[in-house]
């Protein structure tokens, strides 16, 4: 049976129109390249997760880091999934419609056509026992455990709905570019200090009386630094702020291609297994498609 199938395939390869043969050969070549790319990418991701130590938000260094914590909703409008209406911190959904197409032999083949899909880009928080970090999910590779699919018959055609959610208080694994930026309150503080300095400059005699230590009639660089420090302390006393201002931590996509951005509600151990399994599947696909390419070209050219 197998020998007959192989013999029949060899005859078809020889008899195929050149356009059909080389078109099919090109498609398999593209599949082979895609399988190789995804294989190397999956292996790289698995090794990256294994070799990157988990950091705490408060002590995380600036750059590429791995974090673990729980999700929190940021202040502002509530994020709601358009399909189920559930409150969440992140969602992704896809609506597909069943369609049919006619093949060359007249047979009808059904397939699912994507009608609409959307991915949430709203910011949310990751919290551990040391602090909080803002998550910017744009361009992240998101793997969730909360995924469901259901079907619904409509007057037009059957539809399939797929929804993925990350809800509040879910455990979250995240790896990406970690940056700390100044809080808006610190920026306001600097503006108020600048305004106060401009106000003091309107009375130069007072500045000289208080800060011209050597009484030479002008302020040196060191004396002007004392003026700036006094203005900062004055503004902080007015607002009752501590000297150390709160800062905002953000985790987002890195500009380096080899530094992947991953968000996952699946545990780190399962995530590593997921990428390794994906690598094995792509390796098998690469091997099979490569063998088919070599075998087909040998038969076609009579080698």
C-alpha atoms as a PDB file:
ATOM      1  CA  UNK A   1       0.000   0.000   0.000  1.00  0.00           C
ATOM      2  CA  UNK A   2       2.762   2.418   0.968  1.00  0.00           C
ATOM      3  CA  UNK A   3       4.830   1.473  -2.086  1.00  0.00           C
ATOM      4  CA  UNK A   4       1.825   2.078  -4.343  1.00  0.00           C
ATOM      5  CA  UNK A   5       1.238   5.481  -2.771  1.00  0.00           C
ATOM      6  CA  UNK A   6       4.890   6.472  -3.239  1.00  0.00           C
ATOM      7  CA  UNK A   7       4.894   5.236  -6.848  1.00  0.00           C
ATOM      8  CA  UNK A   8       1.692   7.171  -7.590  1.00  0.00           C
ATOM      9  CA  UNK A   9       3.167  10.325  -6.035  1.00  0.00           C
ATOM     10  CA  UNK A  10       6.326   9.982  -8.120  1.00  0.00           C
ATOM     11  CA  UNK A  11       4.284   9.713 -11.329  1.00  0.00           C
ATOM     12  CA  UNK A  12       2.252  12.786 -10.388  1.00  0.00           C
ATOM     13  CA  UNK A  13       5.401  14.796  -9.635  1.00  0.00           C
ATOM     14  CA  UNK A  14       6.839  13.933 -13.062  1.00  0.00           C
ATOM     15  CA  UNK A  15       3.561  14.730 -14.867  1.00  0.00           C
ATOM     16  CA  UNK A  16       2.767  17.967 -13.048  1.00  0.00           C
ATOM     17  CA  UNK A  17       2.701  21.150 -15.106  1.00  0.00           C
ATOM     18  CA  UNK A  18       5.912  23.150 -14.365  1.00  0.00           C
ATOM     19  CA  UNK A  19       3.883  26.058 -12.964  1.00  0.00           C
ATOM     20  CA  UNK A  20       1.985  23.744 -10.595  1.00  0.00           C
ATOM     21  CA  UNK A  21       5.111  21.850  -9.503  1.00  0.00           C
ATOM     22  CA  UNK A  22       7.321  24.858  -8.847  1.00  0.00           C
ATOM     23  CA  UNK A  23       4.438  26.722  -7.221  1.00  0.00           C
ATOM     24  CA  UNK A  24       3.854  23.838  -4.801  1.00  0.00           C
ATOM     25  CA  UNK A  25       7.597  23.434  -4.248  1.00  0.00           C
ATOM     26  CA  UNK A  26       7.868  27.151  -3.364  1.00  0.00           C
ATOM     27  CA  UNK A  27       5.004  26.876  -0.867  1.00  0.00           C
ATOM     28  CA  UNK A  28       6.688  23.930   0.878  1.00  0.00           C
ATOM     29  CA  UNK A  29       9.975  25.864   0.889  1.00  0.00           C
ATOM     30  CA  UNK A  30       8.256  28.795   2.629  1.00  0.00           C
ATOM     31  CA  UNK A  31       6.757  26.406   5.205  1.00  0.00           C
ATOM     32  CA  UNK A  32      10.214  24.941   5.783  1.00  0.00           C
ATOM     33  CA  UNK A  33      11.727  28.391   6.387  1.00  0.00           C
ATOM     34  CA  UNK A  34       8.872  29.381   8.727  1.00  0.00           C
ATOM     35  CA  UNK A  35       9.284  26.132  10.694  1.00  0.00           C
ATOM     36  CA  UNK A  36      13.032  26.764  11.043  1.00  0.00           C
ATOM     37  CA  UNK A  37      12.466  30.349  12.211  1.00  0.00           C
ATOM     38  CA  UNK A  38       9.850  29.355  14.794  1.00  0.00           C
ATOM     39  CA  UNK A  39      12.038  26.479  15.960  1.00  0.00           C
ATOM     40  CA  UNK A  40      15.021  28.755  16.667  1.00  0.00           C
ATOM     41  CA  UNK A  41      12.780  31.431  18.197  1.00  0.00           C
ATOM     42  CA  UNK A  42      11.053  28.955  20.522  1.00  0.00           C
ATOM     43  CA  UNK A  43      14.395  27.525  21.652  1.00  0.00           C
ATOM     44  CA  UNK A  44      15.743  31.035  22.255  1.00  0.00           C
ATOM     45  CA  UNK A  45      12.679  31.971  24.330  1.00  0.00           C
ATOM     46  CA  UNK A  46      12.889  28.814  26.451  1.00  0.00           C
ATOM     47  CA  UNK A  47      16.600  29.391  27.194  1.00  0.00           C
ATOM     48  CA  UNK A  48      16.026  33.071  27.908  1.00  0.00           C
ATOM     49  CA  UNK A  49      13.353  32.279  30.500  1.00  0.00           C
ATOM     50  CA  UNK A  50      15.538  29.590  32.090  1.00  0.00           C
ATOM     51  CA  UNK A  51      18.647  31.792  32.308  1.00  0.00           C
ATOM     52  CA  UNK A  52      17.076  35.084  33.460  1.00  0.00           C
ATOM     53  CA  UNK A  53      16.835  35.350  37.275  1.00  0.00           C
ATOM     54  CA  UNK A  54      13.605  36.636  38.809  1.00  0.00           C
ATOM     55  CA  UNK A  55      13.921  40.151  40.253  1.00  0.00           C
ATOM     56  CA  UNK A  56      11.923  42.106  42.814  1.00  0.00           C
ATOM     57  CA  UNK A  57      10.315  45.308  41.548  1.00  0.00           C
ATOM     58  CA  UNK A  58      11.922  47.559  44.162  1.00  0.00           C
ATOM     59  CA  UNK A  59      15.458  46.291  43.509  1.00  0.00           C
ATOM     60  CA  UNK A  60      15.160  45.532  39.767  1.00  0.00           C
ATOM     61  CA  UNK A  61      17.951  46.978  37.637  1.00  0.00           C
ATOM     62  CA  UNK A  62      17.248  49.117  34.597  1.00  0.00           C
ATOM     63  CA  UNK A  63      17.142  46.883  31.533  1.00  0.00           C
ATOM     64  CA  UNK A  64      15.947  43.395  30.681  1.00  0.00           C
ATOM     65  CA  UNK A  65      14.381  41.699  33.720  1.00  0.00           C
ATOM     66  CA  UNK A  66      12.029  38.911  34.785  1.00  0.00           C
ATOM     67  CA  UNK A  67       9.218  39.637  37.276  1.00  0.00           C
ATOM     68  CA  UNK A  68       6.571  37.609  39.096  1.00  0.00           C
ATOM     69  CA  UNK A  69       3.529  39.007  40.868  1.00  0.00           C
ATOM     70  CA  UNK A  70      -0.203  39.600  40.688  1.00  0.00           C
ATOM     71  CA  UNK A  71      -2.190  41.801  38.322  1.00  0.00           C
ATOM     72  CA  UNK A  72      -3.919  44.972  39.483  1.00  0.00           C
ATOM     73  CA  UNK A  73      -6.253  47.405  37.710  1.00  0.00           C
ATOM     74  CA  UNK A  74      -4.960  50.966  37.331  1.00  0.00           C
ATOM     75  CA  UNK A  75      -7.009  53.982  38.357  1.00  0.00           C
ATOM     76  CA  UNK A  76      -9.292  55.142  35.565  1.00  0.00           C
ATOM     77  CA  UNK A  77     -11.893  53.571  33.259  1.00  0.00           C
ATOM     78  CA  UNK A  78     -12.607  49.881  33.873  1.00  0.00           C
ATOM     79  CA  UNK A  79     -11.330  47.517  31.157  1.00  0.00           C
ATOM     80  CA  UNK A  80     -14.165  45.294  29.891  1.00  0.00           C
ATOM     81  CA  UNK A  81     -13.979  42.507  27.311  1.00  0.00           C
ATOM     82  CA  UNK A  82     -16.304  43.360  24.377  1.00  0.00           C
ATOM     83  CA  UNK A  83     -17.416  39.722  23.956  1.00  0.00           C
ATOM     84  CA  UNK A  84     -18.354  38.601  27.464  1.00  0.00           C
ATOM     85  CA  UNK A  85     -18.575  41.974  29.215  1.00  0.00           C
ATOM     86  CA  UNK A  86     -16.242  40.716  31.956  1.00  0.00           C
ATOM     87  CA  UNK A  87     -13.974  43.105  33.854  1.00  0.00           C
ATOM     88  CA  UNK A  88     -10.283  42.373  33.258  1.00  0.00           C
ATOM     89  CA  UNK A  89      -6.833  43.945  32.893  1.00  0.00           C
ATOM     90  CA  UNK A  90      -6.220  42.545  29.383  1.00  0.00           C
ATOM     91  CA  UNK A  91      -8.262  40.815  26.673  1.00  0.00           C
ATOM     92  CA  UNK A  92      -7.941  39.388  23.194  1.00  0.00           C
ATOM     93  CA  UNK A  93     -10.819  38.112  21.104  1.00  0.00           C
ATOM     94  CA  UNK A  94     -11.540  36.787  17.639  1.00  0.00           C
ATOM     95  CA  UNK A  95     -14.836  36.340  15.777  1.00  0.00           C
ATOM     96  CA  UNK A  96     -14.841  33.864  12.881  1.00  0.00           C
ATOM     97  CA  UNK A  97     -17.552  33.029  10.374  1.00  0.00           C
ATOM     98  CA  UNK A  98     -17.966  29.692   8.631  1.00  0.00           C
ATOM     99  CA  UNK A  99     -17.529  30.050   4.871  1.00  0.00           C
ATOM    100  CA  UNK A 100     -17.256  27.728   1.892  1.00  0.00           C
ATOM    101  CA  UNK A 101     -15.178  27.733  -1.259  1.00  0.00           C
ATOM    102  CA  UNK A 102     -15.239  25.621  -4.412  1.00  0.00           C
ATOM    103  CA  UNK A 103     -12.190  23.578  -5.358  1.00  0.00           C
ATOM    104  CA  UNK A 104     -11.078  22.879  -8.919  1.00  0.00           C
ATOM    105  CA  UNK A 105     -12.716  19.435  -8.823  1.00  0.00           C
ATOM    106  CA  UNK A 106     -16.061  20.991  -7.875  1.00  0.00           C
ATOM    107  CA  UNK A 107     -16.016  19.890  -4.238  1.00  0.00           C
ATOM    108  CA  UNK A 108     -17.002  22.391  -1.562  1.00  0.00           C
ATOM    109  CA  UNK A 109     -14.625  22.977   1.351  1.00  0.00           C
ATOM    110  CA  UNK A 110     -15.613  24.864   4.516  1.00  0.00           C
ATOM    111  CA  UNK A 111     -13.254  27.031   6.571  1.00  0.00           C
ATOM    112  CA  UNK A 112     -13.370  29.667   9.308  1.00  0.00           C
ATOM    113  CA  UNK A 113     -12.927  33.248   8.089  1.00  0.00           C
ATOM    114  CA  UNK A 114     -11.892  35.933  10.589  1.00  0.00           C
ATOM    115  CA  UNK A 115     -14.567  38.643  10.747  1.00  0.00           C
ATOM    116  CA  UNK A 116     -13.178  40.721  13.601  1.00  0.00           C
ATOM    117  CA  UNK A 117     -10.357  40.526  16.137  1.00  0.00           C
ATOM    118  CA  UNK A 118      -8.983  42.889  18.743  1.00  0.00           C
ATOM    119  CA  UNK A 119      -6.277  42.945  21.411  1.00  0.00           C
ATOM    120  CA  UNK A 120      -6.343  45.202  24.454  1.00  0.00           C
ATOM    121  CA  UNK A 121      -3.565  47.773  24.687  1.00  0.00           C
ATOM    122  CA  UNK A 122      -4.554  49.328  28.030  1.00  0.00           C
ATOM    123  CA  UNK A 123      -1.953  49.663  30.779  1.00  0.00           C
ATOM    124  CA  UNK A 124      -2.293  47.650  33.984  1.00  0.00           C
ATOM    125  CA  UNK A 125      -0.234  46.916  37.102  1.00  0.00           C
ATOM    126  CA  UNK A 126       1.943  44.043  38.259  1.00  0.00           C
ATOM    127  CA  UNK A 127       2.445  43.927  42.021  1.00  0.00           C
ATOM    128  CA  UNK A 128       4.833  41.903  44.172  1.00  0.00           C
ATOM    129  CA  UNK A 129       5.681  42.155  47.879  1.00  0.00           C
ATOM    130  CA  UNK A 130       8.097  45.064  47.258  1.00  0.00           C
ATOM    131  CA  UNK A 131       6.243  47.383  44.887  1.00  0.00           C
ATOM    132  CA  UNK A 132       4.266  47.943  41.711  1.00  0.00           C
ATOM    133  CA  UNK A 133       5.158  48.086  38.029  1.00  0.00           C
ATOM    134  CA  UNK A 134       3.112  49.384  35.095  1.00  0.00           C
ATOM    135  CA  UNK A 135       2.723  46.847  32.283  1.00  0.00           C
ATOM    136  CA  UNK A 136       2.517  48.206  28.725  1.00  0.00           C
ATOM    137  CA  UNK A 137       1.237  45.105  26.842  1.00  0.00           C
ATOM    138  CA  UNK A 138       1.774  46.395  23.293  1.00  0.00           C
ATOM    139  CA  UNK A 139       3.687  43.857  21.135  1.00  0.00           C
ATOM    140  CA  UNK A 140       3.882  41.323  23.977  1.00  0.00           C
ATOM    141  CA  UNK A 141       3.711  37.562  23.414  1.00  0.00           C
ATOM    142  CA  UNK A 142       0.769  36.844  25.750  1.00  0.00           C
ATOM    143  CA  UNK A 143      -0.009  33.310  26.982  1.00  0.00           C
ATOM    144  CA  UNK A 144      -3.106  32.920  29.166  1.00  0.00           C
ATOM    145  CA  UNK A 145      -4.807  30.080  31.002  1.00  0.00           C
ATOM    146  CA  UNK A 146      -8.220  31.797  30.844  1.00  0.00           C
ATOM    147  CA  UNK A 147      -9.260  31.013  27.268  1.00  0.00           C
ATOM    148  CA  UNK A 148     -12.625  29.831  25.972  1.00  0.00           C
ATOM    149  CA  UNK A 149     -14.288  29.201  22.616  1.00  0.00           C
ATOM    150  CA  UNK A 150     -17.992  28.947  21.820  1.00  0.00           C
ATOM    151  CA  UNK A 151     -20.222  28.757  18.743  1.00  0.00           C
ATOM    152  CA  UNK A 152     -23.373  30.612  17.794  1.00  0.00           C
ATOM    153  CA  UNK A 153     -25.709  30.263  14.819  1.00  0.00           C
ATOM    154  CA  UNK A 154     -26.694  33.522  13.132  1.00  0.00           C
ATOM    155  CA  UNK A 155     -29.030  34.365  10.272  1.00  0.00           C
ATOM    156  CA  UNK A 156     -26.023  34.720   7.959  1.00  0.00           C
ATOM    157  CA  UNK A 157     -23.718  31.835   8.917  1.00  0.00           C
ATOM    158  CA  UNK A 158     -22.440  29.961  11.995  1.00  0.00           C
ATOM    159  CA  UNK A 159     -19.897  31.919  13.995  1.00  0.00           C
ATOM    160  CA  UNK A 160     -17.094  30.914  16.345  1.00  0.00           C
ATOM    161  CA  UNK A 161     -16.009  33.173  19.206  1.00  0.00           C
ATOM    162  CA  UNK A 162     -12.646  32.954  20.970  1.00  0.00           C
ATOM    163  CA  UNK A 163     -11.839  35.030  24.051  1.00  0.00           C
ATOM    164  CA  UNK A 164      -8.663  35.253  26.155  1.00  0.00           C
ATOM    165  CA  UNK A 165      -8.593  37.174  29.430  1.00  0.00           C
ATOM    166  CA  UNK A 166      -6.218  38.251  32.179  1.00  0.00           C
ATOM    167  CA  UNK A 167      -8.302  39.193  35.199  1.00  0.00           C
ATOM    168  CA  UNK A 168      -7.341  41.168  38.297  1.00  0.00           C
ATOM    169  CA  UNK A 169      -5.434  39.351  41.072  1.00  0.00           C
ATOM    170  CA  UNK A 170      -4.180  36.658  38.669  1.00  0.00           C
ATOM    171  CA  UNK A 171      -0.567  35.482  39.036  1.00  0.00           C
ATOM    172  CA  UNK A 172       1.501  36.915  36.184  1.00  0.00           C
ATOM    173  CA  UNK A 173       4.954  36.075  34.841  1.00  0.00           C
ATOM    174  CA  UNK A 174       6.540  38.920  32.874  1.00  0.00           C
ATOM    175  CA  UNK A 175       9.865  39.373  31.123  1.00  0.00           C
ATOM    176  CA  UNK A 176      10.780  42.521  29.212  1.00  0.00           C
ATOM    177  CA  UNK A 177      12.452  45.943  29.332  1.00  0.00           C
ATOM    178  CA  UNK A 178      12.237  47.514  32.808  1.00  0.00           C
ATOM    179  CA  UNK A 179      12.499  51.304  33.079  1.00  0.00           C
ATOM    180  CA  UNK A 180      11.970  53.736  35.942  1.00  0.00           C
ATOM    181  CA  UNK A 181      10.621  57.182  35.097  1.00  0.00           C
ATOM    182  CA  UNK A 182       9.929  60.241  37.225  1.00  0.00           C
ATOM    183  CA  UNK A 183       6.463  60.567  38.677  1.00  0.00           C
ATOM    184  CA  UNK A 184       4.230  63.420  37.510  1.00  0.00           C
ATOM    185  CA  UNK A 185       4.402  64.817  41.062  1.00  0.00           C
ATOM    186  CA  UNK A 186       8.189  65.149  40.780  1.00  0.00           C
ATOM    187  CA  UNK A 187       7.813  67.019  37.501  1.00  0.00           C
ATOM    188  CA  UNK A 188       5.332  69.383  39.164  1.00  0.00           C
ATOM    189  CA  UNK A 189       7.781  69.840  42.026  1.00  0.00           C
ATOM    190  CA  UNK A 190      10.531  70.919  39.626  1.00  0.00           C
ATOM    191  CA  UNK A 191       8.180  73.389  37.944  1.00  0.00           C
ATOM    192  CA  UNK A 192       7.293  74.942  41.297  1.00  0.00           C
ATOM    193  CA  UNK A 193      10.974  75.204  42.261  1.00  0.00           C
ATOM    194  CA  UNK A 194      11.688  77.013  38.972  1.00  0.00           C
ATOM    195  CA  UNK A 195       8.797  79.401  39.600  1.00  0.00           C
ATOM    196  CA  UNK A 196      10.070  80.150  43.112  1.00  0.00           C
ATOM    197  CA  UNK A 197      13.599  80.823  41.810  1.00  0.00           C
ATOM    198  CA  UNK A 198      12.216  83.243  39.211  1.00  0.00           C
ATOM    199  CA  UNK A 199      10.298  84.996  41.994  1.00  0.00           C
ATOM    200  CA  UNK A 200      13.413  85.302  44.173  1.00  0.00           C
ATOM    201  CA  UNK A 201      15.427  86.712  41.255  1.00  0.00           C
ATOM    202  CA  UNK A 202      13.087  89.717  41.203  1.00  0.00           C
ATOM    203  CA  UNK A 203      14.593  90.762  44.549  1.00  0.00           C
ATOM    204  CA  UNK A 204      18.378  90.409  43.984  1.00  0.00           C
ATOM    205  CA  UNK A 205      19.242  92.374  47.136  1.00  0.00           C
ATOM    206  CA  UNK A 206      17.488  89.804  49.300  1.00  0.00           C
ATOM    207  CA  UNK A 207      19.350  86.967  47.533  1.00  0.00           C
ATOM    208  CA  UNK A 208      22.685  88.670  48.167  1.00  0.00           C
ATOM    209  CA  UNK A 209      21.862  89.299  51.827  1.00  0.00           C
ATOM    210  CA  UNK A 210      21.002  85.648  52.445  1.00  0.00           C
ATOM    211  CA  UNK A 211      23.384  83.738  50.156  1.00  0.00           C
ATOM    212  CA  UNK A 212      26.383  85.984  49.305  1.00  0.00           C
ATOM    213  CA  UNK A 213      28.677  84.461  51.911  1.00  0.00           C
ATOM    214  CA  UNK A 214      31.893  86.244  50.881  1.00  0.00           C
ATOM    215  CA  UNK A 215      30.112  89.579  50.408  1.00  0.00           C
ATOM    216  CA  UNK A 216      31.619  90.287  46.980  1.00  0.00           C
ATOM    217  CA  UNK A 217      28.328  91.579  45.586  1.00  0.00           C
ATOM    218  CA  UNK A 218      27.597  88.594  43.327  1.00  0.00           C
ATOM    219  CA  UNK A 219      26.615  84.940  43.643  1.00  0.00           C
ATOM    220  CA  UNK A 220      29.230  82.321  42.779  1.00  0.00           C
ATOM    221  CA  UNK A 221      28.371  78.864  41.373  1.00  0.00           C
ATOM    222  CA  UNK A 222      28.513  77.321  44.857  1.00  0.00           C
ATOM    223  CA  UNK A 223      26.329  80.081  46.307  1.00  0.00           C
ATOM    224  CA  UNK A 224      23.762  79.691  43.508  1.00  0.00           C
ATOM    225  CA  UNK A 225      23.596  75.950  44.232  1.00  0.00           C
ATOM    226  CA  UNK A 226      22.734  76.861  47.831  1.00  0.00           C
ATOM    227  CA  UNK A 227      19.918  79.070  46.485  1.00  0.00           C
ATOM    228  CA  UNK A 228      18.540  76.158  44.433  1.00  0.00           C
ATOM    229  CA  UNK A 229      18.722  73.809  47.420  1.00  0.00           C
ATOM    230  CA  UNK A 230      16.912  76.327  49.613  1.00  0.00           C
ATOM    231  CA  UNK A 231      14.151  76.711  46.997  1.00  0.00           C
ATOM    232  CA  UNK A 232      13.720  72.938  46.764  1.00  0.00           C
ATOM    233  CA  UNK A 233      13.495  72.549  50.548  1.00  0.00           C
ATOM    234  CA  UNK A 234      11.007  75.432  50.755  1.00  0.00           C
ATOM    235  CA  UNK A 235       8.658  73.860  48.179  1.00  0.00           C
ATOM    236  CA  UNK A 236       8.894  70.431  49.818  1.00  0.00           C
ATOM    237  CA  UNK A 237       8.040  71.887  53.222  1.00  0.00           C
ATOM    238  CA  UNK A 238       5.005  73.634  51.748  1.00  0.00           C
ATOM    239  CA  UNK A 239       3.636  70.414  50.291  1.00  0.00           C
ATOM    240  CA  UNK A 240       4.778  68.129  53.089  1.00  0.00           C
ATOM    241  CA  UNK A 241       6.603  65.885  50.613  1.00  0.00           C
ATOM    242  CA  UNK A 242       9.448  63.609  51.528  1.00  0.00           C
ATOM    243  CA  UNK A 243      12.823  64.192  49.949  1.00  0.00           C
ATOM    244  CA  UNK A 244      12.698  60.899  48.141  1.00  0.00           C
ATOM    245  CA  UNK A 245       9.902  61.021  45.578  1.00  0.00           C
ATOM    246  CA  UNK A 246       7.939  58.008  44.403  1.00  0.00           C
ATOM    247  CA  UNK A 247       8.907  56.769  40.950  1.00  0.00           C
ATOM    248  CA  UNK A 248       6.997  54.912  38.254  1.00  0.00           C
ATOM    249  CA  UNK A 249       8.295  51.540  37.055  1.00  0.00           C
ATOM    250  CA  UNK A 250       7.323  50.387  33.554  1.00  0.00           C
ATOM    251  CA  UNK A 251       7.788  47.032  31.813  1.00  0.00           C
ATOM    252  CA  UNK A 252       7.466  47.086  28.025  1.00  0.00           C
ATOM    253  CA  UNK A 253       8.786  45.806  24.702  1.00  0.00           C
ATOM    254  CA  UNK A 254      12.556  46.057  24.247  1.00  0.00           C
ATOM    255  CA  UNK A 255      14.089  47.573  21.114  1.00  0.00           C
ATOM    256  CA  UNK A 256      16.459  44.588  20.838  1.00  0.00           C
ATOM    257  CA  UNK A 257      15.041  41.752  18.725  1.00  0.00           C
ATOM    258  CA  UNK A 258      16.676  39.034  20.808  1.00  0.00           C
ATOM    259  CA  UNK A 259      14.973  40.315  23.988  1.00  0.00           C
ATOM    260  CA  UNK A 260      11.432  38.947  23.793  1.00  0.00           C
ATOM    261  CA  UNK A 261       8.534  40.510  25.703  1.00  0.00           C
ATOM    262  CA  UNK A 262       6.384  37.815  27.340  1.00  0.00           C
ATOM    263  CA  UNK A 263       3.351  38.075  29.618  1.00  0.00           C
ATOM    264  CA  UNK A 264       1.958  34.806  30.945  1.00  0.00           C
ATOM    265  CA  UNK A 265      -0.590  33.651  33.514  1.00  0.00           C
ATOM    266  CA  UNK A 266       0.906  30.189  33.032  1.00  0.00           C
ATOM    267  CA  UNK A 267       3.688  29.335  35.499  1.00  0.00           C
ATOM    268  CA  UNK A 268       7.335  29.734  34.488  1.00  0.00           C
ATOM    269  CA  UNK A 269       7.900  25.955  34.489  1.00  0.00           C
ATOM    270  CA  UNK A 270       4.913  25.311  32.208  1.00  0.00           C
ATOM    271  CA  UNK A 271       5.946  28.210  29.996  1.00  0.00           C
ATOM    272  CA  UNK A 272       9.392  26.681  29.435  1.00  0.00           C
ATOM    273  CA  UNK A 273       7.757  23.346  28.573  1.00  0.00           C
ATOM    274  CA  UNK A 274       5.386  25.148  26.185  1.00  0.00           C
ATOM    275  CA  UNK A 275       8.213  26.754  24.216  1.00  0.00           C
ATOM    276  CA  UNK A 276      10.262  23.550  24.166  1.00  0.00           C
ATOM    277  CA  UNK A 277       7.249  21.592  22.885  1.00  0.00           C
ATOM    278  CA  UNK A 278       6.704  24.277  20.231  1.00  0.00           C
ATOM    279  CA  UNK A 279      10.373  23.922  19.274  1.00  0.00           C
ATOM    280  CA  UNK A 280      10.036  20.137  18.869  1.00  0.00           C
ATOM    281  CA  UNK A 281       6.931  20.528  16.689  1.00  0.00           C
ATOM    282  CA  UNK A 282       8.681  23.039  14.448  1.00  0.00           C
ATOM    283  CA  UNK A 283      11.770  20.816  14.275  1.00  0.00           C
ATOM    284  CA  UNK A 284       9.583  17.945  13.081  1.00  0.00           C
ATOM    285  CA  UNK A 285       7.866  20.220  10.550  1.00  0.00           C
ATOM    286  CA  UNK A 286      11.226  21.496   9.310  1.00  0.00           C
ATOM    287  CA  UNK A 287      12.574  17.950   8.919  1.00  0.00           C
ATOM    288  CA  UNK A 288       9.478  16.655   7.073  1.00  0.00           C
ATOM    289  CA  UNK A 289       9.182  19.658   4.736  1.00  0.00           C
ATOM    290  CA  UNK A 290      12.935  19.549   4.019  1.00  0.00           C
ATOM    291  CA  UNK A 291      12.785  15.850   3.123  1.00  0.00           C
ATOM    292  CA  UNK A 292       9.776  16.470   0.860  1.00  0.00           C
ATOM    293  CA  UNK A 293      11.634  19.248  -0.952  1.00  0.00           C
ATOM    294  CA  UNK A 294      14.717  17.114  -1.599  1.00  0.00           C
ATOM    295  CA  UNK A 295      12.667  14.060  -2.593  1.00  0.00           C
ATOM    296  CA  UNK A 296      10.404  16.052  -4.971  1.00  0.00           C
ATOM    297  CA  UNK A 297      13.290  17.809  -6.728  1.00  0.00           C
ATOM    298  CA  UNK A 298      15.154  14.507  -7.161  1.00  0.00           C
ATOM    299  CA  UNK A 299      12.098  12.854  -8.735  1.00  0.00           C
ATOM    300  CA  UNK A 300      11.339  15.836 -10.954  1.00  0.00           C
ATOM    301  CA  UNK A 301      14.896  16.156 -12.272  1.00  0.00           C
ATOM    302  CA  UNK A 302      15.498  12.392 -12.425  1.00  0.00           C
ATOM    303  CA  UNK A 303      18.488  12.477 -10.087  1.00  0.00           C
END
